[in-house]
Amino acid sequence: MSETITVRGFLGGEVEEFITPQGLPISNFRLGCTPRRYDRKTERWVNGDTNWYTVSAFRQLAQNVKSSLHKGDPVLVTGRLRVRQWENDKGQRGTSVEIDAEAIGHDLTFGSGSFTRLGGAGSGQENSRNGAESHAESSSDSFSSAADSVWSTDNADAQGQGQGQEQSQEKEVAPF
């Protein structure tokens, strides 16, 4: 049985960040998920009951979540589901539903976004596009240059360092 789920909802508060004594970054937030359905009797959309999840992110994902997400943001979360029973000092009992996140992103159904890739695996250095490009140039050239840099066999050419030299090798490009 797989305990991996994907949940769509809204951040119920700001992201909280913690650093363990070993230096492991952890970010937590509450995610509210309210289903909507069309009621034919009243001819209106109605909300169902809200389910609340505590989402935890670790390492680089935790750092990216803290700098990217804010209260009220629509997000998609994929991760491992954990359901815990608890009891407090006063004898009250309850159930906590938690997700250990593997991936988190904005839900683009509600707006648009942009992506900034970090340089290297977890290096923390940003590798953003040149801000001086016009939108028309970036939208027409960014896909091909991104595909070239990711899928090319000659990294120097993909980074524009071999522009004055004759190309003797063909690049392998993704089939999409």
Protein backbone atom coordinates (compact mmCIF):
# COMPACT_ATOMS: atom_id res chain seq x y z
CA MET A 1 0.00 0.00 0.00
CA SER A 2 1.33 3.42 -0.95
CA GLU A 3 0.96 6.22 1.57
CA THR A 4 1.94 8.94 -0.91
CA ILE A 5 -0.79 11.48 -1.53
CA THR A 6 -1.23 14.75 -3.42
CA VAL A 7 -3.33 17.43 -1.75
CA ARG A 8 -4.53 20.77 -3.12
CA GLY A 9 -5.35 23.61 -0.74
CA PHE A 10 -4.45 26.98 0.76
CA LEU A 11 -1.86 27.90 3.39
CA GLY A 12 -3.64 28.59 6.66
CA GLY A 13 -0.80 30.68 8.09
CA GLU A 14 2.78 31.74 7.51
CA VAL A 15 5.48 29.10 7.10
CA GLU A 16 7.39 28.34 10.31
CA GLU A 17 11.08 27.46 9.97
CA PHE A 18 13.23 25.53 12.44
CA ILE A 19 16.87 24.43 12.42
CA THR A 20 17.69 21.26 14.35
CA PRO A 21 20.82 21.13 16.55
CA GLN A 22 22.41 19.08 13.74
CA GLY A 23 21.75 21.93 11.28
CA LEU A 24 18.80 20.33 9.40
CA PRO A 25 16.32 22.98 8.15
CA ILE A 26 12.64 22.12 8.64
CA SER A 27 9.63 24.18 7.54
CA ASN A 28 6.05 23.55 8.66
CA PHE A 29 2.72 25.00 7.62
CA ARG A 30 -0.97 24.23 7.92
CA LEU A 31 -2.82 23.40 4.72
CA GLY A 32 -6.59 23.75 4.50
CA CYS A 33 -8.39 21.76 1.81
CA THR A 34 -12.04 22.57 1.18
CA PRO A 35 -13.88 20.64 -1.56
CA ARG A 36 -16.45 22.54 -3.65
CA ARG A 37 -19.43 21.07 -5.43
CA TYR A 38 -22.34 22.37 -7.42
CA ASP A 39 -25.70 22.06 -5.63
CA ARG A 40 -28.39 21.62 -8.30
CA LYS A 41 -31.21 22.40 -5.87
CA THR A 42 -29.92 25.87 -5.00
CA GLU A 43 -28.04 26.29 -8.32
CA ARG A 44 -24.94 27.48 -6.46
CA TRP A 45 -21.46 26.26 -5.61
CA VAL A 46 -21.14 25.16 -1.98
CA ASN A 47 -18.14 24.36 0.18
CA GLY A 48 -17.72 21.03 1.89
CA ASP A 49 -15.97 20.43 5.21
CA THR A 50 -12.37 21.65 5.41
CA ASN A 51 -9.67 19.07 6.09
CA TRP A 52 -6.51 20.40 7.76
CA TYR A 53 -3.03 18.95 7.32
CA THR A 54 0.28 19.84 8.93
CA VAL A 55 2.89 19.83 6.15
CA SER A 56 6.60 19.39 6.95
CA ALA A 57 9.42 20.00 4.48
CA PHE A 58 13.09 19.19 5.05
CA ARG A 59 16.53 20.32 3.81
CA GLN A 60 16.56 22.39 0.58
CA LEU A 61 12.81 22.03 0.11
CA ALA A 62 12.33 23.58 3.58
CA GLN A 63 14.46 26.60 2.64
CA ASN A 64 12.67 27.06 -0.69
CA VAL A 65 9.25 26.77 0.95
CA LYS A 66 10.12 29.44 3.53
CA SER A 67 11.19 31.92 0.84
CA SER A 68 8.37 31.10 -1.63
CA LEU A 69 5.10 30.49 0.21
CA HIS A 70 2.90 32.81 2.26
CA LYS A 71 -0.42 32.69 4.11
CA GLY A 72 -3.33 32.19 1.70
CA ASP A 73 -1.24 30.87 -1.21
CA PRO A 74 -2.87 28.07 -3.25
CA VAL A 75 -0.51 25.07 -3.34
CA LEU A 76 -0.19 21.43 -4.35
CA VAL A 77 1.64 19.12 -1.95
CA THR A 78 2.85 15.59 -2.63
CA GLY A 79 4.28 13.50 0.18
CA ARG A 80 3.97 10.69 2.67
CA LEU A 81 0.81 10.65 4.78
CA ARG A 82 1.03 10.12 8.54
CA VAL A 83 -1.98 9.86 10.84
CA ARG A 84 -1.22 10.12 14.57
CA GLN A 85 -3.39 9.75 17.64
CA TRP A 86 -2.52 12.11 20.48
CA GLU A 87 -3.50 12.91 24.05
CA ASN A 88 -2.58 16.08 25.95
CA ASP A 89 -1.98 16.73 29.66
CA LYS A 90 -5.68 17.35 30.30
CA GLY A 91 -6.70 13.96 28.86
CA GLN A 92 -8.07 15.38 25.61
CA ARG A 93 -7.55 13.08 22.65
CA GLY A 94 -7.39 13.80 18.96
CA THR A 95 -6.04 12.84 15.58
CA SER A 96 -3.33 14.70 13.70
CA VAL A 97 -2.97 14.28 9.94
CA GLU A 98 0.49 15.17 8.66
CA ILE A 99 2.28 15.13 5.32
CA ASP A 100 6.06 14.78 4.99
CA ALA A 101 6.43 16.71 1.75
CA GLU A 102 8.41 15.42 -1.21
CA ALA A 103 7.32 18.22 -3.58
CA ILE A 104 5.43 21.49 -3.15
CA GLY A 105 4.35 24.04 -5.74
CA HIS A 106 1.93 26.88 -6.35
CA ASP A 107 -1.44 25.91 -7.85
CA LEU A 108 -1.47 27.84 -11.12
CA THR A 109 -5.25 27.50 -11.43
CA PHE A 110 -5.48 30.68 -9.35
CA GLY A 111 -2.68 32.76 -10.88
CA SER A 112 0.62 32.76 -12.71
CA GLY A 113 4.11 32.28 -11.38
CA SER A 114 7.74 32.24 -12.33
CA PHE A 115 10.52 29.84 -11.46
CA THR A 116 14.07 30.59 -10.39
CA ARG A 117 16.41 27.62 -10.51
CA LEU A 118 19.08 27.40 -7.84
CA GLY A 119 22.64 26.78 -9.06
CA GLY A 120 23.90 23.27 -8.33
CA ALA A 121 22.28 20.74 -6.05
CA GLY A 122 21.46 22.69 -2.92
CA SER A 123 24.24 25.25 -3.35
CA GLY A 124 21.92 28.13 -2.54
CA GLN A 125 23.27 30.20 -5.44
CA GLU A 126 20.64 31.54 -7.79
CA ASN A 127 20.95 30.97 -11.51
CA SER A 128 18.27 33.28 -12.87
CA ARG A 129 17.65 34.51 -16.40
CA ASN A 130 19.00 37.86 -17.55
CA GLY A 131 16.51 40.47 -16.35
CA ALA A 132 17.36 42.81 -19.26
CA GLU A 133 15.81 40.49 -21.85
CA SER A 134 12.49 41.61 -23.23
CA HIS A 135 9.52 39.38 -22.53
CA ALA A 136 9.19 38.54 -26.23
CA GLU A 137 12.82 37.48 -26.48
CA SER A 138 12.70 35.44 -23.31
CA SER A 139 9.48 33.64 -24.20
CA SER A 140 10.64 32.68 -27.69
CA ASP A 141 14.24 31.83 -26.82
CA SER A 142 14.03 30.59 -23.25
CA PHE A 143 12.58 27.18 -24.10
CA SER A 144 15.17 26.38 -26.73
CA SER A 145 18.07 27.68 -24.64
CA ALA A 146 16.81 25.84 -21.58
CA ALA A 147 16.39 22.64 -23.58
CA ASP A 148 19.85 23.09 -25.11
CA SER A 149 21.49 23.58 -21.73
CA VAL A 150 19.72 20.61 -20.17
CA TRP A 151 19.82 18.16 -23.07
CA SER A 152 22.93 19.08 -25.01
CA THR A 153 25.98 16.83 -25.13
CA ASP A 154 28.41 19.74 -25.35
CA ASN A 155 28.09 21.91 -22.24
CA ALA A 156 30.41 24.66 -23.50
CA ASP A 157 28.20 25.25 -26.55
CA ALA A 158 25.04 25.18 -24.43
CA GLN A 159 26.43 27.96 -22.24
CA GLY A 160 27.39 30.10 -25.22
CA GLN A 161 31.15 29.67 -24.74
CA GLY A 162 31.77 27.99 -28.09
CA GLN A 163 29.85 30.41 -30.30
CA GLY A 164 32.76 31.43 -32.56
CA GLN A 165 33.90 27.88 -33.18
CA GLU A 166 32.64 25.54 -35.87
CA GLN A 167 30.37 22.88 -34.44
CA SER A 168 31.43 19.38 -35.44
CA GLN A 169 29.07 17.52 -33.12
CA GLU A 170 25.31 17.47 -33.26
CA LYS A 171 23.38 18.12 -30.06
CA GLU A 172 20.93 15.61 -28.67
CA VAL A 173 17.69 17.42 -27.95
CA ALA A 174 14.72 16.20 -25.95
CA PRO A 175 11.96 14.73 -28.15
CA PHE A 176 9.27 17.27 -27.22
